[in-house]
Amino acid sequence: MAADRKAALRVVANNGALQAVVRDGDAETESFKALSPDERSREILKTILTELDADKAEDVVTIPLAGKSDIADAMIVASGRSQRHVGAMADKIVRKLKDIGLGRARLEGQPVCDWVLIDAEDVIVHIFRPEVRRFYNLERIWSEAAHAPARADA
């Protein structure tokens, strides 16, 4: 799509003079692909946590899965206030992941939005409505002691 590949124009100060810099979306994608697997995983996790924080997700918990499962390095469990809130947060996360070069993120549960799952390669994200989250209680299943609210700078 032409709109997705459109270059962004950014103005920066250079010794008092303004200079226009064209930043192509593909440059961001290439820099993301150049990361090591551990750095890539941390960048995905940081991006998701930042988006959840910006969208006012509630009760965000990060569960490290390294050594527990081969499916991912981390799992994030969060709540939204309503079906609309859950769906909007999931949409924004998937769009942001595509922006940084992770176009293969998959989304499940979108039509109903009681429980939305995002498979972002090394990070699995579950976004629930509060009553659905209490019913399934994934934190208890996946973690002996679910960690307190996650930090975006982790």
N, C-alpha and C. Protein backbone atom coordinates (compact mmCIF):
# COMPACT_ATOMS: atom_id res chain seq x y z
N MET A 1 0.84 -1.16 0.00
CA MET A 1 0.00 0.00 0.00
C MET A 1 0.90 1.24 0.00
N ALA A 2 0.62 2.19 -0.86
CA ALA A 2 1.47 3.37 -1.03
C ALA A 2 1.54 4.20 0.23
N ALA A 3 0.44 4.33 0.97
CA ALA A 3 0.43 5.15 2.18
C ALA A 3 1.36 4.57 3.25
N ASP A 4 1.48 3.24 3.30
CA ASP A 4 2.34 2.61 4.29
C ASP A 4 3.82 2.85 3.99
N ARG A 5 4.16 3.01 2.75
CA ARG A 5 5.55 3.14 2.36
C ARG A 5 5.97 4.59 2.18
N LYS A 6 5.08 5.51 2.48
CA LYS A 6 5.36 6.92 2.31
C LYS A 6 6.44 7.36 3.29
N ALA A 7 7.40 8.11 2.80
CA ALA A 7 8.48 8.61 3.65
C ALA A 7 7.95 9.73 4.54
N ALA A 8 8.47 9.77 5.74
CA ALA A 8 8.08 10.83 6.68
C ALA A 8 9.16 11.90 6.65
N LEU A 9 8.77 13.15 6.79
CA LEU A 9 9.70 14.26 6.80
C LEU A 9 9.82 14.77 8.22
N ARG A 10 11.05 14.92 8.65
CA ARG A 10 11.31 15.36 10.01
C ARG A 10 12.33 16.50 9.93
N VAL A 11 12.13 17.53 10.73
CA VAL A 11 13.05 18.66 10.75
C VAL A 11 13.87 18.60 12.02
N VAL A 12 15.19 18.69 11.88
CA VAL A 12 16.08 18.64 13.03
C VAL A 12 16.98 19.86 13.04
N ALA A 13 17.39 20.27 14.23
CA ALA A 13 18.32 21.39 14.34
C ALA A 13 19.74 20.88 14.24
N ASN A 14 20.55 21.55 13.44
CA ASN A 14 21.95 21.16 13.27
C ASN A 14 22.79 22.42 13.38
N ASN A 15 23.39 22.65 14.56
CA ASN A 15 24.20 23.84 14.82
C ASN A 15 23.44 25.12 14.50
N GLY A 16 22.22 25.21 14.93
CA GLY A 16 21.43 26.41 14.74
C GLY A 16 20.71 26.47 13.40
N ALA A 17 21.09 25.67 12.44
CA ALA A 17 20.44 25.67 11.14
C ALA A 17 19.45 24.51 11.09
N LEU A 18 18.33 24.73 10.44
CA LEU A 18 17.36 23.66 10.30
C LEU A 18 17.71 22.82 9.10
N GLN A 19 17.58 21.52 9.28
CA GLN A 19 17.91 20.60 8.21
C GLN A 19 16.76 19.61 8.08
N ALA A 20 16.31 19.36 6.87
CA ALA A 20 15.24 18.39 6.65
C ALA A 20 15.84 17.01 6.47
N VAL A 21 15.27 16.06 7.15
CA VAL A 21 15.74 14.69 7.06
C VAL A 21 14.57 13.82 6.64
N VAL A 22 14.74 13.05 5.61
CA VAL A 22 13.70 12.13 5.17
C VAL A 22 13.98 10.79 5.82
N ARG A 23 12.97 10.28 6.51
CA ARG A 23 13.10 9.00 7.17
C ARG A 23 12.14 8.03 6.51
N ASP A 24 12.65 7.02 5.91
CA ASP A 24 11.84 6.02 5.24
C ASP A 24 11.43 4.97 6.25
N GLY A 25 10.19 4.52 6.18
CA GLY A 25 9.69 3.48 7.07
C GLY A 25 10.49 2.20 6.97
N ASP A 26 11.08 1.91 5.79
CA ASP A 26 11.87 0.71 5.62
C ASP A 26 13.16 0.76 6.43
N ALA A 27 13.70 1.96 6.68
CA ALA A 27 14.92 2.07 7.47
C ALA A 27 14.67 1.58 8.89
N GLU A 28 13.51 1.92 9.46
CA GLU A 28 13.17 1.43 10.79
C GLU A 28 13.04 -0.09 10.77
N THR A 29 12.43 -0.62 9.74
CA THR A 29 12.25 -2.06 9.61
C THR A 29 13.60 -2.76 9.55
N GLU A 30 14.53 -2.22 8.75
CA GLU A 30 15.84 -2.84 8.61
C GLU A 30 16.61 -2.80 9.92
N SER A 31 16.52 -1.69 10.67
CA SER A 31 17.24 -1.62 11.93
C SER A 31 16.66 -2.62 12.94
N PHE A 32 15.36 -2.87 12.89
CA PHE A 32 14.73 -3.85 13.78
C PHE A 32 15.20 -5.25 13.42
N LYS A 33 15.30 -5.54 12.14
CA LYS A 33 15.75 -6.86 11.71
C LYS A 33 17.21 -7.11 12.05
N ALA A 34 17.99 -6.04 12.20
CA ALA A 34 19.41 -6.18 12.49
C ALA A 34 19.69 -6.51 13.95
N LEU A 35 18.69 -6.43 14.80
CA LEU A 35 18.87 -6.72 16.23
C LEU A 35 19.12 -8.20 16.46
N SER A 36 19.84 -8.50 17.54
CA SER A 36 20.03 -9.89 17.94
C SER A 36 18.69 -10.42 18.43
N PRO A 37 18.52 -11.74 18.52
CA PRO A 37 17.24 -12.29 19.00
C PRO A 37 16.84 -11.78 20.38
N ASP A 38 17.79 -11.65 21.30
CA ASP A 38 17.47 -11.14 22.64
C ASP A 38 17.06 -9.68 22.59
N GLU A 39 17.78 -8.88 21.82
CA GLU A 39 17.44 -7.46 21.69
C GLU A 39 16.08 -7.29 21.02
N ARG A 40 15.83 -8.13 20.02
CA ARG A 40 14.55 -8.09 19.30
C ARG A 40 13.39 -8.40 20.26
N SER A 41 13.58 -9.42 21.08
CA SER A 41 12.56 -9.80 22.05
C SER A 41 12.30 -8.68 23.04
N ARG A 42 13.38 -8.06 23.54
CA ARG A 42 13.22 -6.94 24.48
C ARG A 42 12.54 -5.75 23.83
N GLU A 43 12.84 -5.49 22.57
CA GLU A 43 12.22 -4.36 21.86
C GLU A 43 10.72 -4.61 21.64
N ILE A 44 10.36 -5.84 21.31
CA ILE A 44 8.94 -6.19 21.15
C ILE A 44 8.22 -6.00 22.48
N LEU A 45 8.80 -6.52 23.56
CA LEU A 45 8.21 -6.41 24.89
C LEU A 45 8.05 -4.94 25.29
N LYS A 46 9.09 -4.16 25.09
CA LYS A 46 9.05 -2.73 25.44
C LYS A 46 7.98 -2.00 24.64
N THR A 47 7.89 -2.28 23.36
CA THR A 47 6.89 -1.64 22.49
C THR A 47 5.48 -1.94 22.97
N ILE A 48 5.22 -3.20 23.27
CA ILE A 48 3.88 -3.61 23.72
C ILE A 48 3.55 -2.97 25.07
N LEU A 49 4.47 -2.99 26.00
CA LEU A 49 4.22 -2.41 27.32
C LEU A 49 3.99 -0.90 27.22
N THR A 50 4.72 -0.24 26.35
CA THR A 50 4.54 1.20 26.15
C THR A 50 3.15 1.49 25.60
N GLU A 51 2.70 0.70 24.63
CA GLU A 51 1.36 0.90 24.06
C GLU A 51 0.26 0.63 25.09
N LEU A 52 0.43 -0.42 25.87
CA LEU A 52 -0.57 -0.72 26.90
C LEU A 52 -0.65 0.40 27.92
N ASP A 53 0.49 0.94 28.30
CA ASP A 53 0.51 2.05 29.25
C ASP A 53 -0.17 3.29 28.65
N ALA A 54 0.13 3.59 27.40
CA ALA A 54 -0.47 4.75 26.74
C ALA A 54 -1.98 4.62 26.59
N ASP A 55 -2.45 3.38 26.43
CA ASP A 55 -3.88 3.13 26.24
C ASP A 55 -4.62 2.86 27.55
N LYS A 56 -3.96 3.07 28.66
CA LYS A 56 -4.59 2.93 29.99
C LYS A 56 -5.06 1.50 30.28
N ALA A 57 -4.25 0.52 29.88
CA ALA A 57 -4.57 -0.87 30.23
C ALA A 57 -4.50 -1.01 31.75
N GLU A 58 -5.29 -1.90 32.29
CA GLU A 58 -5.35 -2.10 33.73
C GLU A 58 -4.69 -3.42 34.12
N ASP A 59 -4.08 -3.44 35.30
CA ASP A 59 -3.49 -4.65 35.87
C ASP A 59 -2.57 -5.38 34.89
N VAL A 60 -1.60 -4.69 34.37
CA VAL A 60 -0.66 -5.29 33.41
C VAL A 60 0.35 -6.13 34.17
N VAL A 61 0.47 -7.39 33.76
CA VAL A 61 1.39 -8.33 34.39
C VAL A 61 2.24 -8.96 33.30
N THR A 62 3.56 -9.00 33.54
CA THR A 62 4.47 -9.68 32.62
C THR A 62 4.96 -10.96 33.28
N ILE A 63 4.84 -12.06 32.58
CA ILE A 63 5.27 -13.36 33.10
C ILE A 63 6.41 -13.87 32.21
N PRO A 64 7.61 -13.99 32.76
CA PRO A 64 8.72 -14.53 31.97
C PRO A 64 8.49 -16.01 31.69
N LEU A 65 8.67 -16.41 30.44
CA LEU A 65 8.45 -17.80 30.07
C LEU A 65 9.73 -18.53 29.71
N ALA A 66 10.84 -17.82 29.68
CA ALA A 66 12.12 -18.45 29.34
C ALA A 66 12.38 -19.59 30.32
N GLY A 67 12.63 -20.75 29.79
CA GLY A 67 12.86 -21.93 30.61
C GLY A 67 11.60 -22.66 31.02
N LYS A 68 10.44 -22.03 30.85
CA LYS A 68 9.16 -22.66 31.19
C LYS A 68 8.45 -23.18 29.95
N SER A 69 8.66 -22.49 28.84
CA SER A 69 7.96 -22.84 27.61
C SER A 69 8.79 -22.40 26.41
N ASP A 70 8.64 -23.12 25.32
CA ASP A 70 9.33 -22.76 24.08
C ASP A 70 8.48 -21.84 23.21
N ILE A 71 7.26 -21.55 23.61
CA ILE A 71 6.38 -20.76 22.74
C ILE A 71 6.75 -19.29 22.68
N ALA A 72 7.35 -18.76 23.75
CA ALA A 72 7.70 -17.34 23.78
C ALA A 72 8.64 -17.08 24.95
N ASP A 73 9.23 -15.87 24.95
CA ASP A 73 10.09 -15.46 26.05
C ASP A 73 9.31 -14.80 27.18
N ALA A 74 8.16 -14.22 26.84
CA ALA A 74 7.36 -13.52 27.85
C ALA A 74 5.89 -13.55 27.47
N MET A 75 5.06 -13.46 28.50
CA MET A 75 3.62 -13.35 28.30
C MET A 75 3.16 -12.10 29.06
N ILE A 76 2.31 -11.34 28.41
CA ILE A 76 1.72 -10.17 29.05
C ILE A 76 0.24 -10.42 29.20
N VAL A 77 -0.28 -10.15 30.38
CA VAL A 77 -1.71 -10.25 30.64
C VAL A 77 -2.17 -8.87 31.09
N ALA A 78 -3.22 -8.37 30.46
CA ALA A 78 -3.73 -7.03 30.80
C ALA A 78 -5.25 -7.03 30.69
N SER A 79 -5.86 -6.02 31.28
CA SER A 79 -7.31 -5.88 31.22
C SER A 79 -7.69 -4.56 30.58
N GLY A 80 -8.82 -4.59 29.89
CA GLY A 80 -9.44 -3.38 29.37
C GLY A 80 -10.78 -3.19 30.04
N ARG A 81 -11.28 -1.99 30.03
CA ARG A 81 -12.52 -1.68 30.75
C ARG A 81 -13.78 -2.21 30.05
N SER A 82 -13.70 -2.42 28.74
CA SER A 82 -14.88 -2.86 27.98
C SER A 82 -14.40 -3.61 26.74
N GLN A 83 -15.35 -4.19 26.02
CA GLN A 83 -14.99 -4.87 24.78
C GLN A 83 -14.35 -3.90 23.79
N ARG A 84 -14.89 -2.71 23.72
CA ARG A 84 -14.34 -1.70 22.80
C ARG A 84 -12.91 -1.33 23.19
N HIS A 85 -12.66 -1.17 24.49
CA HIS A 85 -11.33 -0.83 24.97
C HIS A 85 -10.34 -1.96 24.66
N VAL A 86 -10.74 -3.21 24.90
CA VAL A 86 -9.89 -4.37 24.61
C VAL A 86 -9.54 -4.41 23.12
N GLY A 87 -10.55 -4.25 22.26
CA GLY A 87 -10.32 -4.29 20.81
C GLY A 87 -9.44 -3.16 20.32
N ALA A 88 -9.64 -1.97 20.85
CA ALA A 88 -8.85 -0.81 20.43
C ALA A 88 -7.38 -0.98 20.84
N MET A 89 -7.14 -1.47 22.06
CA MET A 89 -5.76 -1.69 22.50
C MET A 89 -5.07 -2.73 21.61
N ALA A 90 -5.77 -3.80 21.31
CA ALA A 90 -5.19 -4.85 20.47
C ALA A 90 -4.86 -4.31 19.08
N ASP A 91 -5.77 -3.56 18.48
CA ASP A 91 -5.52 -2.97 17.16
C ASP A 91 -4.28 -2.08 17.17
N LYS A 92 -4.17 -1.23 18.18
CA LYS A 92 -3.04 -0.31 18.26
C LYS A 92 -1.72 -1.07 18.44
N ILE A 93 -1.73 -2.12 19.22
CA ILE A 93 -0.49 -2.89 19.43
C ILE A 93 -0.06 -3.53 18.12
N VAL A 94 -0.99 -4.15 17.40
CA VAL A 94 -0.65 -4.80 16.14
C VAL A 94 -0.14 -3.78 15.13
N ARG A 95 -0.79 -2.61 15.06
CA ARG A 95 -0.32 -1.56 14.13
C ARG A 95 1.08 -1.08 14.50
N LYS A 96 1.34 -0.89 15.79
CA LYS A 96 2.66 -0.43 16.24
C LYS A 96 3.72 -1.47 15.94
N LEU A 97 3.41 -2.75 16.14
CA LEU A 97 4.36 -3.80 15.83
C LEU A 97 4.67 -3.83 14.34
N LYS A 98 3.69 -3.60 13.51
CA LYS A 98 3.93 -3.53 12.06
C LYS A 98 4.80 -2.33 11.73
N ASP A 99 4.59 -1.21 12.42
CA ASP A 99 5.40 -0.01 12.19
C ASP A 99 6.87 -0.25 12.47
N ILE A 100 7.18 -1.06 13.48
CA ILE A 100 8.59 -1.30 13.81
C ILE A 100 9.18 -2.47 13.03
N GLY A 101 8.37 -3.11 12.21
CA GLY A 101 8.91 -4.16 11.35
C GLY A 101 8.46 -5.57 11.67
N LEU A 102 7.53 -5.73 12.58
CA LEU A 102 7.03 -7.06 12.93
C LEU A 102 5.66 -7.23 12.29
N GLY A 103 5.64 -7.46 11.02
CA GLY A 103 4.39 -7.56 10.28
C GLY A 103 3.68 -8.89 10.45
N ARG A 104 4.33 -9.83 11.13
CA ARG A 104 3.74 -11.16 11.27
C ARG A 104 2.96 -11.34 12.57
N ALA A 105 2.73 -10.29 13.31
CA ALA A 105 1.95 -10.42 14.55
C ALA A 105 0.54 -10.86 14.21
N ARG A 106 0.05 -11.87 14.93
CA ARG A 106 -1.28 -12.41 14.66
C ARG A 106 -2.22 -12.07 15.80
N LEU A 107 -3.48 -11.89 15.44
CA LEU A 107 -4.50 -11.44 16.38
C LEU A 107 -5.66 -12.44 16.37
N GLU A 108 -6.10 -12.86 17.55
CA GLU A 108 -7.24 -13.77 17.69
C GLU A 108 -8.24 -13.18 18.68
N GLY A 109 -9.52 -13.42 18.45
CA GLY A 109 -10.55 -12.99 19.38
C GLY A 109 -11.11 -11.61 19.11
N GLN A 110 -10.76 -11.05 17.98
CA GLN A 110 -11.16 -9.68 17.66
C GLN A 110 -12.66 -9.45 17.56
N PRO A 111 -13.44 -10.31 16.95
CA PRO A 111 -14.86 -9.97 16.80
C PRO A 111 -15.59 -9.75 18.12
N VAL A 112 -15.31 -10.55 19.13
CA VAL A 112 -16.05 -10.44 20.39
C VAL A 112 -15.35 -9.52 21.38
N CYS A 113 -14.02 -9.59 21.43
CA CYS A 113 -13.18 -8.74 22.29
C CYS A 113 -13.40 -8.95 23.79
N ASP A 114 -13.80 -10.15 24.20
CA ASP A 114 -13.80 -10.50 25.62
C ASP A 114 -12.37 -10.88 26.03
N TRP A 115 -11.68 -11.58 25.12
CA TRP A 115 -10.32 -12.03 25.34
C TRP A 115 -9.65 -11.97 23.97
N VAL A 116 -8.64 -11.10 23.84
CA VAL A 116 -7.91 -10.99 22.59
C VAL A 116 -6.50 -11.47 22.83
N LEU A 117 -6.02 -12.31 21.93
CA LEU A 117 -4.67 -12.85 22.00
C LEU A 117 -3.86 -12.28 20.85
N ILE A 118 -2.66 -11.80 21.15
CA ILE A 118 -1.74 -11.33 20.12
C ILE A 118 -0.49 -12.18 20.20
N ASP A 119 -0.15 -12.81 19.09
CA ASP A 119 1.08 -13.60 19.00
C ASP A 119 2.11 -12.71 18.31
N ALA A 120 3.02 -12.14 19.10
CA ALA A 120 4.04 -11.24 18.58
C ALA A 120 5.40 -11.94 18.64
N GLU A 121 5.48 -13.11 18.06
CA GLU A 121 6.68 -13.94 18.03
C GLU A 121 7.17 -14.28 19.43
N ASP A 122 8.07 -13.48 19.99
CA ASP A 122 8.68 -13.79 21.28
C ASP A 122 7.82 -13.37 22.47
N VAL A 123 6.74 -12.66 22.21
CA VAL A 123 5.86 -12.18 23.29
C VAL A 123 4.42 -12.54 22.95
N ILE A 124 3.73 -13.13 23.91
CA ILE A 124 2.32 -13.44 23.77
C ILE A 124 1.55 -12.46 24.64
N VAL A 125 0.52 -11.83 24.08
CA VAL A 125 -0.26 -10.84 24.81
C VAL A 125 -1.70 -11.31 24.94
N HIS A 126 -2.22 -11.28 26.15
CA HIS A 126 -3.62 -11.59 26.41
C HIS A 126 -4.25 -10.32 26.96
N ILE A 127 -5.29 -9.82 26.31
CA ILE A 127 -6.01 -8.66 26.81
C ILE A 127 -7.45 -9.11 27.07
N PHE A 128 -7.90 -8.95 28.30
CA PHE A 128 -9.20 -9.45 28.74
C PHE A 128 -10.10 -8.31 29.21
N ARG A 129 -11.39 -8.60 29.23
CA ARG A 129 -12.29 -7.83 30.08
C ARG A 129 -12.08 -8.39 31.49
N PRO A 130 -12.21 -7.58 32.54
CA PRO A 130 -11.86 -8.03 33.90
C PRO A 130 -12.54 -9.33 34.35
N GLU A 131 -13.83 -9.48 34.09
CA GLU A 131 -14.52 -10.69 34.57
C GLU A 131 -14.06 -11.94 33.82
N VAL A 132 -13.70 -11.81 32.57
CA VAL A 132 -13.19 -12.95 31.80
C VAL A 132 -11.79 -13.31 32.30
N ARG A 133 -11.00 -12.29 32.60
CA ARG A 133 -9.65 -12.53 33.13
C ARG A 133 -9.72 -13.28 34.46
N ARG A 134 -10.62 -12.88 35.34
CA ARG A 134 -10.75 -13.57 36.63
C ARG A 134 -11.15 -15.03 36.43
N PHE A 135 -12.01 -15.29 35.47
CA PHE A 135 -12.47 -16.65 35.22
C PHE A 135 -11.32 -17.56 34.78
N TYR A 136 -10.50 -17.10 33.82
CA TYR A 136 -9.41 -17.94 33.29
C TYR A 136 -8.15 -17.91 34.16
N ASN A 137 -7.89 -16.83 34.84
CA ASN A 137 -6.78 -16.70 35.79
C ASN A 137 -5.45 -17.25 35.23
N LEU A 138 -5.04 -16.74 34.10
CA LEU A 138 -3.80 -17.19 33.47
C LEU A 138 -2.57 -16.96 34.33
N GLU A 139 -2.57 -15.91 35.12
CA GLU A 139 -1.41 -15.65 35.97
C GLU A 139 -1.11 -16.81 36.89
N ARG A 140 -2.13 -17.40 37.45
CA ARG A 140 -1.93 -18.53 38.35
C ARG A 140 -1.41 -19.75 37.60
N ILE A 141 -1.89 -19.95 36.41
CA ILE A 141 -1.48 -21.11 35.62
C ILE A 141 -0.02 -21.00 35.20
N TRP A 142 0.42 -19.81 34.76
CA TRP A 142 1.73 -19.66 34.15
C TRP A 142 2.82 -19.16 35.10
N SER A 143 2.47 -18.75 36.28
CA SER A 143 3.50 -18.17 37.13
C SER A 143 3.27 -18.54 38.58
N GLU A 144 4.32 -18.96 39.25
CA GLU A 144 4.21 -19.24 40.68
C GLU A 144 3.90 -17.95 41.43
N ALA A 145 4.55 -16.90 41.02
CA ALA A 145 4.32 -15.58 41.62
C ALA A 145 4.31 -14.56 40.49
N ALA A 146 3.15 -14.26 40.00
CA ALA A 146 3.04 -13.29 38.90
C ALA A 146 3.67 -11.98 39.32
N HIS A 147 4.47 -11.44 38.42
CA HIS A 147 5.19 -10.21 38.74
C HIS A 147 4.26 -9.02 38.81
N ALA A 148 4.63 -8.09 39.65
CA ALA A 148 3.86 -6.85 39.81
C ALA A 148 3.83 -6.13 38.47
N PRO A 149 3.07 -5.04 38.36
CA PRO A 149 2.96 -4.33 37.10
C PRO A 149 4.31 -4.16 36.42
N ALA A 150 4.34 -4.50 35.14
CA ALA A 150 5.57 -4.48 34.37
C ALA A 150 6.00 -3.07 34.07
N ARG A 151 7.31 -2.91 33.88
CA ARG A 151 7.86 -1.62 33.52
C ARG A 151 8.13 -1.61 32.03
N ALA A 152 7.86 -0.50 31.38
CA ALA A 152 8.09 -0.37 29.94
C ALA A 152 9.58 -0.31 29.62
N ASP A 153 10.44 0.04 30.58
CA ASP A 153 11.86 0.17 30.30
C ASP A 153 12.61 -1.12 30.62
N ALA A 154 11.91 -2.23 30.79
CA ALA A 154 12.54 -3.50 31.12
C ALA A 154 13.32 -4.05 29.96
